Amino acid sequence: MDLKSKIRNINDFPEKGVIFRDITTLIKDAEAFAYVTETMAEQVSGQDIDMIVVLDARGFLFGSPVAYLLKKGVVPVRKKDKLPAETYQVEYALEYGTGSLEMHKDALEKGMRVAIFDDLLATGGTAKAACELVEKAGAQVASLNFVIELKDLRGREKLEGYQLFSLLEY
């Protein structure tokens, strides 16, 4: 399936010079969405995964149906102040300033193996912060899984040592 044809490219968003890869056109196509979900589920099915960790917000769209297919639970990693119980928190660098991600402290147990899902790998900052949260909980990152990887931004370099899968590369 030609998935790139299902992704809308929006020039100069959110700022001039950026090409935004819009996955809303992919997820509204039932056949394409099913293909992505099933392909990503196959990718992690042999990894002895205990839990699926999904990143705010578009990672929820891809990791949750994979968790359903694999009969695994889902742990959301959210932006700061979105989770109601006690959390682990990790700050990470953004282009201008910093961001912060959180995960409930009771979401994972020591020794669990998790697969992390997000829609896009760009600079790797968000994914690296998610790995740090998982490791703070005493769990292991079995794999990082993305629908899209923006190769020119070299996020993969920030994630050396982790198993990484991306369905599409730009």
Foldseek 3Di string as FASTA:
>chain_A
DPVQVQWDWDAQPPHHPDTDTHCPSQCVPPVSLVVLQVVVLVVCLPLQAQAEEAEPDQSCSRRVSSCVVSVHYYWYKYWPPPDDADWDKDWWDDPPGITMIITHLPPDAAAGEYEYGDAEQALQGRVVRVQVRCVVSNYHYQEYEYQEYAPVNPSVVVVPPHHYYYNYYD
